[in-house]
Amino acid sequence: MSDPIGVIHGRFQMLHLGHMEYLLAGKARCRRLIVGISNPDATVTRFNSASPHRSQQSANPLTYFERYEMIRGSLLESGVPREEFDIVPFPVNCPELLFNYVPREARFYMTLYDQWSLEKKAMLEGLGCDVEVMWQRTDAERLTSGTEVRDLIRAGKPWQHLVPPFVYEYMTSRGIDRRL
């Protein structure tokens, strides 16, 4: 653990086990992890041709607060001490706003899967961010995706095995799974 502060970002529109792999790999590289939630609200959500579905309302059913709580609960459940992470908005579609939420001097951890990942990497580097790619995989090599989990929920099929225990309990105890 060499970096004092690391930043990870994502929509987390259903926190799943692939996200947890990403979050915990980032946390292993730094003393304090800042988790940025992109598309925190409709005012900073923009269409991007590299990943058009990410801006659709159906791909963003969870509120910022719900995603915040799922990330916090799942990191705690995984044994990450609360004082070693923070969760903030990360308006990736409005890069001019990013440094209102995250420190410029942090290391930005990423994983690359698609053209959208490459565009975000180039954008962060263009802002002068220190970017570390933790791994590059194809879409076929993903553990799962938020789309897959949401689709399973909507179809009434099993999905518990794709998310941290905290997320399953959070979603079902609040009826969030029924509103998708």
N, C-alpha and C. Protein backbone atom coordinates (compact mmCIF):
# COMPACT_ATOMS: atom_id res chain seq x y z
N MET A 1 0.86 -1.17 0.00
CA MET A 1 0.00 0.00 0.00
C MET A 1 0.90 1.23 0.00
N SER A 2 1.10 1.83 -1.16
CA SER A 2 2.03 2.93 -1.23
C SER A 2 1.36 4.29 -1.42
N ASP A 3 0.22 4.34 -2.06
CA ASP A 3 -0.42 5.63 -2.33
C ASP A 3 -1.21 6.10 -1.11
N PRO A 4 -1.05 7.37 -0.75
CA PRO A 4 -1.85 7.85 0.39
C PRO A 4 -3.34 7.92 0.08
N ILE A 5 -3.69 8.43 -1.14
CA ILE A 5 -5.10 8.59 -1.50
C ILE A 5 -5.32 8.03 -2.90
N GLY A 6 -6.32 7.17 -3.03
CA GLY A 6 -6.70 6.64 -4.32
C GLY A 6 -8.15 6.98 -4.61
N VAL A 7 -8.46 7.10 -5.89
CA VAL A 7 -9.83 7.40 -6.31
C VAL A 7 -10.28 6.32 -7.29
N ILE A 8 -11.47 5.83 -7.07
CA ILE A 8 -12.13 4.88 -7.98
C ILE A 8 -13.48 5.49 -8.30
N HIS A 9 -13.96 5.25 -9.50
CA HIS A 9 -15.27 5.79 -9.84
C HIS A 9 -16.08 4.78 -10.65
N GLY A 10 -17.39 4.94 -10.59
CA GLY A 10 -18.30 4.10 -11.35
C GLY A 10 -19.73 4.54 -11.10
N ARG A 11 -20.65 4.05 -11.93
CA ARG A 11 -22.07 4.34 -11.70
C ARG A 11 -22.62 3.50 -10.56
N PHE A 12 -22.16 2.27 -10.46
CA PHE A 12 -22.61 1.35 -9.42
C PHE A 12 -24.14 1.23 -9.41
N GLN A 13 -24.71 1.12 -10.62
CA GLN A 13 -26.16 1.00 -10.76
C GLN A 13 -26.56 -0.45 -10.62
N MET A 14 -26.21 -0.93 -9.55
CA MET A 14 -26.39 -2.19 -8.87
C MET A 14 -24.98 -2.64 -8.53
N LEU A 15 -24.61 -2.37 -7.32
CA LEU A 15 -23.29 -2.78 -6.85
C LEU A 15 -23.24 -4.30 -6.90
N HIS A 16 -22.28 -4.84 -7.64
CA HIS A 16 -22.17 -6.29 -7.81
C HIS A 16 -20.77 -6.76 -7.46
N LEU A 17 -20.54 -8.06 -7.59
CA LEU A 17 -19.27 -8.64 -7.19
C LEU A 17 -18.10 -8.15 -8.04
N GLY A 18 -18.33 -7.83 -9.29
CA GLY A 18 -17.28 -7.24 -10.12
C GLY A 18 -16.87 -5.88 -9.59
N HIS A 19 -17.84 -5.09 -9.15
CA HIS A 19 -17.53 -3.81 -8.52
C HIS A 19 -16.71 -4.01 -7.24
N MET A 20 -17.08 -5.01 -6.47
CA MET A 20 -16.35 -5.25 -5.22
C MET A 20 -14.90 -5.66 -5.51
N GLU A 21 -14.69 -6.46 -6.54
CA GLU A 21 -13.31 -6.81 -6.92
C GLU A 21 -12.53 -5.52 -7.23
N TYR A 22 -13.12 -4.64 -7.98
CA TYR A 22 -12.54 -3.36 -8.38
C TYR A 22 -12.26 -2.47 -7.16
N LEU A 23 -13.26 -2.31 -6.29
CA LEU A 23 -13.11 -1.47 -5.11
C LEU A 23 -12.02 -2.00 -4.17
N LEU A 24 -12.04 -3.29 -3.93
CA LEU A 24 -11.06 -3.86 -2.99
C LEU A 24 -9.66 -3.87 -3.58
N ALA A 25 -9.52 -4.04 -4.89
CA ALA A 25 -8.19 -3.96 -5.52
C ALA A 25 -7.65 -2.53 -5.40
N GLY A 26 -8.51 -1.55 -5.56
CA GLY A 26 -8.08 -0.17 -5.38
C GLY A 26 -7.70 0.11 -3.94
N LYS A 27 -8.52 -0.35 -3.02
CA LYS A 27 -8.23 -0.11 -1.59
C LYS A 27 -6.91 -0.74 -1.18
N ALA A 28 -6.57 -1.88 -1.76
CA ALA A 28 -5.31 -2.55 -1.43
C ALA A 28 -4.10 -1.73 -1.86
N ARG A 29 -4.30 -0.74 -2.73
CA ARG A 29 -3.20 0.08 -3.25
C ARG A 29 -3.03 1.41 -2.54
N CYS A 30 -3.91 1.72 -1.59
CA CYS A 30 -3.82 3.04 -0.95
C CYS A 30 -4.26 2.98 0.50
N ARG A 31 -3.91 4.02 1.24
CA ARG A 31 -4.33 4.11 2.64
C ARG A 31 -5.78 4.57 2.76
N ARG A 32 -6.17 5.51 1.89
CA ARG A 32 -7.53 6.05 1.93
C ARG A 32 -8.09 6.00 0.52
N LEU A 33 -9.27 5.41 0.37
CA LEU A 33 -9.91 5.29 -0.93
C LEU A 33 -11.11 6.22 -1.01
N ILE A 34 -11.16 6.99 -2.07
CA ILE A 34 -12.32 7.83 -2.33
C ILE A 34 -13.08 7.16 -3.48
N VAL A 35 -14.33 6.82 -3.21
CA VAL A 35 -15.18 6.17 -4.21
C VAL A 35 -16.09 7.23 -4.80
N GLY A 36 -15.92 7.48 -6.08
CA GLY A 36 -16.73 8.47 -6.77
C GLY A 36 -17.90 7.80 -7.47
N ILE A 37 -19.10 8.30 -7.21
CA ILE A 37 -20.30 7.78 -7.85
C ILE A 37 -20.62 8.68 -9.03
N SER A 38 -20.47 8.13 -10.24
CA SER A 38 -20.78 8.91 -11.44
C SER A 38 -22.29 8.90 -11.70
N ASN A 39 -22.72 9.83 -12.55
CA ASN A 39 -24.15 10.05 -12.76
C ASN A 39 -24.87 10.20 -11.42
N PRO A 40 -24.35 11.13 -10.57
CA PRO A 40 -24.99 11.26 -9.25
C PRO A 40 -26.43 11.78 -9.33
N ASP A 41 -26.73 12.55 -10.38
CA ASP A 41 -28.10 13.00 -10.60
C ASP A 41 -28.25 13.41 -12.06
N ALA A 42 -29.46 13.68 -12.47
CA ALA A 42 -29.77 13.95 -13.88
C ALA A 42 -29.10 15.22 -14.40
N THR A 43 -28.76 16.16 -13.52
CA THR A 43 -28.17 17.42 -13.98
C THR A 43 -26.75 17.26 -14.50
N VAL A 44 -26.08 16.17 -14.11
CA VAL A 44 -24.70 15.94 -14.58
C VAL A 44 -24.57 14.63 -15.34
N THR A 45 -25.67 14.13 -15.85
CA THR A 45 -25.67 12.91 -16.66
C THR A 45 -25.79 13.33 -18.12
N ARG A 46 -24.83 12.90 -18.93
CA ARG A 46 -24.80 13.30 -20.34
C ARG A 46 -24.72 12.07 -21.23
N PHE A 47 -25.23 12.20 -22.43
CA PHE A 47 -25.12 11.16 -23.45
C PHE A 47 -23.67 11.05 -23.89
N ASN A 48 -23.21 9.80 -24.09
CA ASN A 48 -21.89 9.56 -24.63
C ASN A 48 -22.01 8.46 -25.67
N SER A 49 -21.58 8.74 -26.90
CA SER A 49 -21.75 7.78 -27.98
C SER A 49 -20.96 6.50 -27.76
N ALA A 50 -19.89 6.55 -26.96
CA ALA A 50 -19.11 5.34 -26.68
C ALA A 50 -19.87 4.37 -25.79
N SER A 51 -20.85 4.88 -25.06
CA SER A 51 -21.65 4.03 -24.17
C SER A 51 -23.02 4.67 -23.99
N PRO A 52 -23.85 4.64 -25.02
CA PRO A 52 -25.11 5.38 -25.00
C PRO A 52 -26.09 4.94 -23.91
N HIS A 53 -26.08 3.67 -23.53
CA HIS A 53 -27.06 3.21 -22.53
C HIS A 53 -26.84 3.83 -21.16
N ARG A 54 -25.62 4.25 -20.86
CA ARG A 54 -25.30 4.77 -19.52
C ARG A 54 -26.07 6.03 -19.15
N SER A 55 -26.58 6.73 -20.15
CA SER A 55 -27.31 7.96 -19.85
C SER A 55 -28.82 7.75 -19.80
N GLN A 56 -29.29 6.57 -20.14
CA GLN A 56 -30.72 6.31 -20.15
C GLN A 56 -31.26 6.15 -18.73
N GLN A 57 -32.46 6.61 -18.52
CA GLN A 57 -33.08 6.53 -17.20
C GLN A 57 -33.20 5.07 -16.73
N SER A 58 -33.50 4.16 -17.64
CA SER A 58 -33.66 2.75 -17.27
C SER A 58 -32.35 2.13 -16.80
N ALA A 59 -31.21 2.70 -17.18
CA ALA A 59 -29.90 2.20 -16.76
C ALA A 59 -29.44 2.88 -15.47
N ASN A 60 -30.24 3.80 -14.96
CA ASN A 60 -29.89 4.55 -13.75
C ASN A 60 -31.05 4.58 -12.77
N PRO A 61 -31.55 3.41 -12.36
CA PRO A 61 -32.75 3.38 -11.52
C PRO A 61 -32.50 3.70 -10.04
N LEU A 62 -31.26 3.62 -9.60
CA LEU A 62 -30.97 3.83 -8.19
C LEU A 62 -30.53 5.26 -7.92
N THR A 63 -30.93 5.79 -6.79
CA THR A 63 -30.53 7.15 -6.43
C THR A 63 -29.07 7.16 -5.97
N TYR A 64 -28.52 8.35 -5.93
CA TYR A 64 -27.17 8.52 -5.39
C TYR A 64 -27.11 7.95 -3.97
N PHE A 65 -28.11 8.29 -3.16
CA PHE A 65 -28.10 7.86 -1.76
C PHE A 65 -28.16 6.33 -1.64
N GLU A 66 -28.98 5.70 -2.45
CA GLU A 66 -29.05 4.23 -2.41
C GLU A 66 -27.71 3.60 -2.79
N ARG A 67 -27.07 4.14 -3.80
CA ARG A 67 -25.75 3.61 -4.21
C ARG A 67 -24.72 3.88 -3.13
N TYR A 68 -24.78 5.06 -2.53
CA TYR A 68 -23.88 5.41 -1.42
C TYR A 68 -24.01 4.37 -0.30
N GLU A 69 -25.23 4.11 0.11
CA GLU A 69 -25.45 3.16 1.20
C GLU A 69 -24.99 1.75 0.85
N MET A 70 -25.21 1.32 -0.39
CA MET A 70 -24.78 -0.03 -0.79
C MET A 70 -23.26 -0.14 -0.81
N ILE A 71 -22.59 0.90 -1.28
CA ILE A 71 -21.12 0.89 -1.30
C ILE A 71 -20.59 0.89 0.13
N ARG A 72 -21.10 1.79 0.95
CA ARG A 72 -20.64 1.88 2.34
C ARG A 72 -20.85 0.56 3.07
N GLY A 73 -22.04 0.02 2.99
CA GLY A 73 -22.35 -1.22 3.69
C GLY A 73 -21.52 -2.39 3.20
N SER A 74 -21.30 -2.46 1.90
CA SER A 74 -20.54 -3.58 1.33
C SER A 74 -19.05 -3.47 1.66
N LEU A 75 -18.50 -2.26 1.65
CA LEU A 75 -17.10 -2.10 2.04
C LEU A 75 -16.90 -2.47 3.51
N LEU A 76 -17.81 -2.01 4.36
CA LEU A 76 -17.73 -2.37 5.78
C LEU A 76 -17.87 -3.88 5.96
N GLU A 77 -18.81 -4.48 5.27
CA GLU A 77 -19.02 -5.93 5.32
C GLU A 77 -17.76 -6.68 4.88
N SER A 78 -16.99 -6.09 3.97
CA SER A 78 -15.75 -6.71 3.48
C SER A 78 -14.56 -6.45 4.39
N GLY A 79 -14.78 -5.71 5.47
CA GLY A 79 -13.71 -5.49 6.44
C GLY A 79 -12.90 -4.22 6.25
N VAL A 80 -13.33 -3.33 5.36
CA VAL A 80 -12.62 -2.06 5.18
C VAL A 80 -13.07 -1.11 6.28
N PRO A 81 -12.14 -0.61 7.10
CA PRO A 81 -12.52 0.31 8.17
C PRO A 81 -13.12 1.60 7.62
N ARG A 82 -14.15 2.10 8.26
CA ARG A 82 -14.88 3.29 7.78
C ARG A 82 -13.97 4.50 7.62
N GLU A 83 -12.98 4.63 8.46
CA GLU A 83 -12.09 5.80 8.37
C GLU A 83 -11.12 5.71 7.18
N GLU A 84 -11.13 4.60 6.46
CA GLU A 84 -10.21 4.44 5.33
C GLU A 84 -10.88 4.64 3.97
N PHE A 85 -12.14 5.09 3.95
CA PHE A 85 -12.78 5.38 2.67
C PHE A 85 -13.81 6.48 2.82
N ASP A 86 -14.03 7.17 1.71
CA ASP A 86 -15.07 8.18 1.59
C ASP A 86 -15.82 7.91 0.30
N ILE A 87 -17.04 8.40 0.21
CA ILE A 87 -17.86 8.23 -0.99
C ILE A 87 -18.38 9.60 -1.38
N VAL A 88 -18.15 9.97 -2.63
CA VAL A 88 -18.49 11.32 -3.10
C VAL A 88 -19.13 11.25 -4.49
N PRO A 89 -19.80 12.32 -4.90
CA PRO A 89 -20.25 12.40 -6.30
C PRO A 89 -19.02 12.48 -7.22
N PHE A 90 -19.17 11.96 -8.42
CA PHE A 90 -18.09 11.99 -9.41
C PHE A 90 -18.72 12.24 -10.77
N PRO A 91 -19.00 13.52 -11.08
CA PRO A 91 -19.68 13.85 -12.33
C PRO A 91 -18.75 13.71 -13.54
N VAL A 92 -18.48 12.48 -13.93
CA VAL A 92 -17.52 12.19 -14.99
C VAL A 92 -17.88 12.88 -16.31
N ASN A 93 -19.15 13.14 -16.53
CA ASN A 93 -19.58 13.81 -17.76
C ASN A 93 -19.38 15.32 -17.72
N CYS A 94 -18.98 15.83 -16.58
CA CYS A 94 -18.68 17.26 -16.41
C CYS A 94 -17.30 17.36 -15.76
N PRO A 95 -16.26 17.06 -16.51
CA PRO A 95 -14.92 16.98 -15.92
C PRO A 95 -14.48 18.26 -15.21
N GLU A 96 -15.03 19.39 -15.64
CA GLU A 96 -14.66 20.65 -14.99
C GLU A 96 -15.10 20.70 -13.52
N LEU A 97 -15.99 19.79 -13.13
CA LEU A 97 -16.48 19.76 -11.74
C LEU A 97 -15.75 18.75 -10.85
N LEU A 98 -14.99 17.84 -11.43
CA LEU A 98 -14.43 16.72 -10.67
C LEU A 98 -13.62 17.14 -9.45
N PHE A 99 -12.80 18.17 -9.59
CA PHE A 99 -11.92 18.52 -8.47
C PHE A 99 -12.64 19.28 -7.36
N ASN A 100 -13.95 19.45 -7.50
CA ASN A 100 -14.76 19.90 -6.37
C ASN A 100 -15.02 18.76 -5.40
N TYR A 101 -14.80 17.51 -5.87
CA TYR A 101 -15.16 16.33 -5.09
C TYR A 101 -13.97 15.44 -4.73
N VAL A 102 -12.96 15.43 -5.56
CA VAL A 102 -11.80 14.56 -5.33
C VAL A 102 -10.52 15.38 -5.42
N PRO A 103 -9.49 14.96 -4.67
CA PRO A 103 -8.23 15.72 -4.72
C PRO A 103 -7.46 15.47 -6.01
N ARG A 104 -6.96 16.53 -6.57
CA ARG A 104 -6.20 16.48 -7.81
C ARG A 104 -4.96 15.59 -7.67
N GLU A 105 -4.36 15.55 -6.48
CA GLU A 105 -3.10 14.83 -6.27
C GLU A 105 -3.28 13.33 -6.00
N ALA A 106 -4.49 12.85 -6.00
CA ALA A 106 -4.75 11.42 -5.76
C ALA A 106 -4.32 10.60 -6.97
N ARG A 107 -4.18 9.30 -6.76
CA ARG A 107 -4.00 8.38 -7.88
C ARG A 107 -5.38 7.85 -8.25
N PHE A 108 -5.68 7.85 -9.54
CA PHE A 108 -6.98 7.43 -10.05
C PHE A 108 -6.85 6.02 -10.59
N TYR A 109 -7.48 5.07 -9.92
CA TYR A 109 -7.43 3.66 -10.33
C TYR A 109 -8.57 3.37 -11.30
N MET A 110 -8.24 2.64 -12.35
CA MET A 110 -9.24 2.29 -13.35
C MET A 110 -9.07 0.85 -13.79
N THR A 111 -10.13 0.35 -14.38
CA THR A 111 -10.08 -0.91 -15.12
C THR A 111 -10.61 -0.58 -16.51
N LEU A 112 -10.10 -1.26 -17.52
CA LEU A 112 -10.50 -0.97 -18.89
C LEU A 112 -11.23 -2.17 -19.47
N TYR A 113 -12.41 -1.90 -20.03
CA TYR A 113 -13.21 -2.95 -20.65
C TYR A 113 -13.66 -2.58 -22.06
N ASP A 114 -13.81 -1.30 -22.33
CA ASP A 114 -14.46 -0.89 -23.58
C ASP A 114 -14.00 0.50 -23.99
N GLN A 115 -14.58 1.01 -25.06
CA GLN A 115 -14.22 2.33 -25.57
C GLN A 115 -14.51 3.43 -24.55
N TRP A 116 -15.60 3.31 -23.82
CA TRP A 116 -15.94 4.30 -22.80
C TRP A 116 -14.85 4.36 -21.73
N SER A 117 -14.32 3.21 -21.32
CA SER A 117 -13.23 3.20 -20.33
C SER A 117 -12.01 3.95 -20.87
N LEU A 118 -11.69 3.71 -22.14
CA LEU A 118 -10.53 4.39 -22.75
C LEU A 118 -10.76 5.90 -22.83
N GLU A 119 -11.98 6.31 -23.13
CA GLU A 119 -12.29 7.74 -23.17
C GLU A 119 -12.16 8.38 -21.79
N LYS A 120 -12.63 7.69 -20.76
CA LYS A 120 -12.51 8.24 -19.40
C LYS A 120 -11.04 8.34 -19.00
N LYS A 121 -10.26 7.34 -19.35
CA LYS A 121 -8.83 7.37 -19.04
C LYS A 121 -8.16 8.56 -19.71
N ALA A 122 -8.43 8.77 -20.98
CA ALA A 122 -7.85 9.90 -21.71
C ALA A 122 -8.30 11.23 -21.10
N MET A 123 -9.57 11.32 -20.70
CA MET A 123 -10.09 12.54 -20.10
C MET A 123 -9.36 12.83 -18.79
N LEU A 124 -9.23 11.82 -17.93
CA LEU A 124 -8.55 12.02 -16.65
C LEU A 124 -7.09 12.40 -16.86
N GLU A 125 -6.43 11.73 -17.77
CA GLU A 125 -5.03 12.07 -18.06
C GLU A 125 -4.93 13.49 -18.62
N GLY A 126 -5.90 13.89 -19.44
CA GLY A 126 -5.94 15.24 -19.98
C GLY A 126 -6.11 16.31 -18.90
N LEU A 127 -6.72 15.93 -17.80
CA LEU A 127 -6.87 16.83 -16.65
C LEU A 127 -5.62 16.84 -15.77
N GLY A 128 -4.64 16.00 -16.12
CA GLY A 128 -3.41 15.93 -15.33
C GLY A 128 -3.46 14.91 -14.21
N CYS A 129 -4.44 14.03 -14.22
CA CYS A 129 -4.57 13.03 -13.17
C CYS A 129 -3.53 11.92 -13.35
N ASP A 130 -3.09 11.38 -12.24
CA ASP A 130 -2.19 10.22 -12.21
C ASP A 130 -3.09 8.99 -12.28
N VAL A 131 -3.14 8.34 -13.44
CA VAL A 131 -4.04 7.22 -13.67
C VAL A 131 -3.25 5.91 -13.64
N GLU A 132 -3.75 4.95 -12.89
CA GLU A 132 -3.18 3.60 -12.88
C GLU A 132 -4.24 2.62 -13.34
N VAL A 133 -3.95 1.91 -14.40
CA VAL A 133 -4.86 0.87 -14.89
C VAL A 133 -4.56 -0.41 -14.12
N MET A 134 -5.51 -0.89 -13.37
CA MET A 134 -5.31 -2.09 -12.56
C MET A 134 -5.40 -3.35 -13.41
N TRP A 135 -6.29 -3.35 -14.41
CA TRP A 135 -6.35 -4.45 -15.37
C TRP A 135 -7.17 -4.03 -16.57
N GLN A 136 -6.95 -4.74 -17.66
CA GLN A 136 -7.73 -4.55 -18.87
C GLN A 136 -8.31 -5.91 -19.25
N ARG A 137 -9.62 -5.93 -19.48
CA ARG A 137 -10.34 -7.16 -19.82
C ARG A 137 -11.35 -6.85 -20.90
N THR A 138 -11.82 -7.89 -21.54
CA THR A 138 -12.91 -7.72 -22.49
C THR A 138 -14.24 -7.79 -21.73
N ASP A 139 -15.30 -7.36 -22.38
CA ASP A 139 -16.62 -7.48 -21.77
C ASP A 139 -16.94 -8.93 -21.40
N ALA A 140 -16.48 -9.86 -22.22
CA ALA A 140 -16.73 -11.28 -21.97
C ALA A 140 -16.02 -11.77 -20.70
N GLU A 141 -14.99 -11.05 -20.28
CA GLU A 141 -14.24 -11.45 -19.08
C GLU A 141 -14.77 -10.81 -17.79
N ARG A 142 -15.80 -10.01 -17.89
CA ARG A 142 -16.40 -9.39 -16.69
C ARG A 142 -17.02 -10.47 -15.82
N LEU A 143 -16.99 -10.24 -14.51
CA LEU A 143 -17.67 -11.16 -13.60
C LEU A 143 -19.18 -11.08 -13.81
N THR A 144 -19.68 -9.87 -13.94
CA THR A 144 -21.09 -9.60 -14.22
C THR A 144 -21.19 -8.12 -14.56
N SER A 145 -22.39 -7.64 -14.72
CA SER A 145 -22.60 -6.21 -14.97
C SER A 145 -23.88 -5.78 -14.27
N GLY A 146 -23.99 -4.48 -14.05
CA GLY A 146 -25.22 -3.96 -13.47
C GLY A 146 -26.42 -4.25 -14.36
N THR A 147 -26.21 -4.18 -15.68
CA THR A 147 -27.29 -4.49 -16.62
C THR A 147 -27.76 -5.92 -16.43
N GLU A 148 -26.82 -6.86 -16.31
CA GLU A 148 -27.21 -8.26 -16.11
C GLU A 148 -28.00 -8.43 -14.82
N VAL A 149 -27.55 -7.82 -13.75
CA VAL A 149 -28.25 -7.96 -12.47
C VAL A 149 -29.64 -7.34 -12.55
N ARG A 150 -29.75 -6.14 -13.12
CA ARG A 150 -31.07 -5.50 -13.25
C ARG A 150 -32.00 -6.33 -14.12
N ASP A 151 -31.47 -6.88 -15.20
CA ASP A 151 -32.30 -7.71 -16.08
C ASP A 151 -32.80 -8.97 -15.37
N LEU A 152 -31.95 -9.59 -14.56
CA LEU A 152 -32.37 -10.78 -13.81
C LEU A 152 -33.46 -10.42 -12.81
N ILE A 153 -33.29 -9.29 -12.13
CA ILE A 153 -34.30 -8.86 -11.16
C ILE A 153 -35.64 -8.64 -11.86
N ARG A 154 -35.61 -7.93 -12.98
CA ARG A 154 -36.84 -7.63 -13.72
C ARG A 154 -37.51 -8.90 -14.24
N ALA A 155 -36.70 -9.91 -14.55
CA ALA A 155 -37.24 -11.18 -15.08
C ALA A 155 -37.65 -12.13 -13.96
N GLY A 156 -37.45 -11.74 -12.70
CA GLY A 156 -37.81 -12.60 -11.58
C GLY A 156 -36.89 -13.81 -11.44
N LYS A 157 -35.67 -13.71 -11.93
CA LYS A 157 -34.71 -14.81 -11.85
C LYS A 157 -33.72 -14.57 -10.71
N PRO A 158 -33.03 -15.62 -10.27
CA PRO A 158 -32.06 -15.47 -9.17
C PRO A 158 -30.93 -14.49 -9.52
N TRP A 159 -30.61 -13.62 -8.56
CA TRP A 159 -29.54 -12.64 -8.75
C TRP A 159 -28.68 -12.48 -7.50
N GLN A 160 -29.08 -13.07 -6.40
CA GLN A 160 -28.39 -12.93 -5.13
C GLN A 160 -26.91 -13.31 -5.24
N HIS A 161 -26.60 -14.29 -6.06
CA HIS A 161 -25.23 -14.79 -6.19
C HIS A 161 -24.29 -13.81 -6.90
N LEU A 162 -24.83 -12.73 -7.47
CA LEU A 162 -24.02 -11.77 -8.22
C LEU A 162 -23.72 -10.50 -7.45
N VAL A 163 -24.24 -10.38 -6.23
CA VAL A 163 -24.07 -9.15 -5.45
C VAL A 163 -23.57 -9.49 -4.04
N PRO A 164 -22.92 -8.52 -3.38
CA PRO A 164 -22.54 -8.75 -1.98
C PRO A 164 -23.78 -9.01 -1.12
N PRO A 165 -23.63 -9.78 -0.06
CA PRO A 165 -24.79 -10.04 0.82
C PRO A 165 -25.49 -8.76 1.29
N PHE A 166 -24.71 -7.73 1.63
CA PHE A 166 -25.31 -6.48 2.09
C PHE A 166 -26.24 -5.90 1.03
N VAL A 167 -25.84 -5.93 -0.24
CA VAL A 167 -26.65 -5.36 -1.33
C VAL A 167 -27.97 -6.12 -1.46
N TYR A 168 -27.91 -7.44 -1.41
CA TYR A 168 -29.13 -8.23 -1.54
C TYR A 168 -30.10 -7.88 -0.41
N GLU A 169 -29.61 -7.83 0.80
CA GLU A 169 -30.45 -7.50 1.95
C GLU A 169 -30.99 -6.08 1.83
N TYR A 170 -30.15 -5.15 1.45
CA TYR A 170 -30.55 -3.75 1.31
C TYR A 170 -31.66 -3.62 0.27
N MET A 171 -31.46 -4.21 -0.89
CA MET A 171 -32.43 -4.11 -1.98
C MET A 171 -33.77 -4.74 -1.63
N THR A 172 -33.72 -5.94 -1.08
CA THR A 172 -34.97 -6.67 -0.82
C THR A 172 -35.70 -6.13 0.42
N SER A 173 -34.98 -5.72 1.44
CA SER A 173 -35.65 -5.23 2.66
C SER A 173 -36.34 -3.88 2.43
N ARG A 174 -35.90 -3.14 1.46
CA ARG A 174 -36.49 -1.83 1.16
C ARG A 174 -37.43 -1.88 -0.05
N GLY A 175 -37.56 -3.04 -0.68
CA GLY A 175 -38.43 -3.17 -1.83
C GLY A 175 -37.89 -2.53 -3.10
N ILE A 176 -36.62 -2.18 -3.10
CA ILE A 176 -36.04 -1.54 -4.28
C ILE A 176 -36.04 -2.51 -5.46
N ASP A 177 -35.84 -3.77 -5.19
CA ASP A 177 -35.85 -4.78 -6.27
C ASP A 177 -37.21 -4.83 -6.96
N ARG A 178 -38.29 -4.54 -6.23
CA ARG A 178 -39.63 -4.58 -6.82
C ARG A 178 -39.95 -3.37 -7.67
N ARG A 179 -39.24 -2.29 -7.49
CA ARG A 179 -39.53 -1.09 -8.28
C ARG A 179 -38.73 -1.02 -9.58
N LEU A 180 -37.78 -1.96 -9.74
CA LEU A 180 -37.00 -1.97 -10.98
C LEU A 180 -37.88 -2.46 -12.10
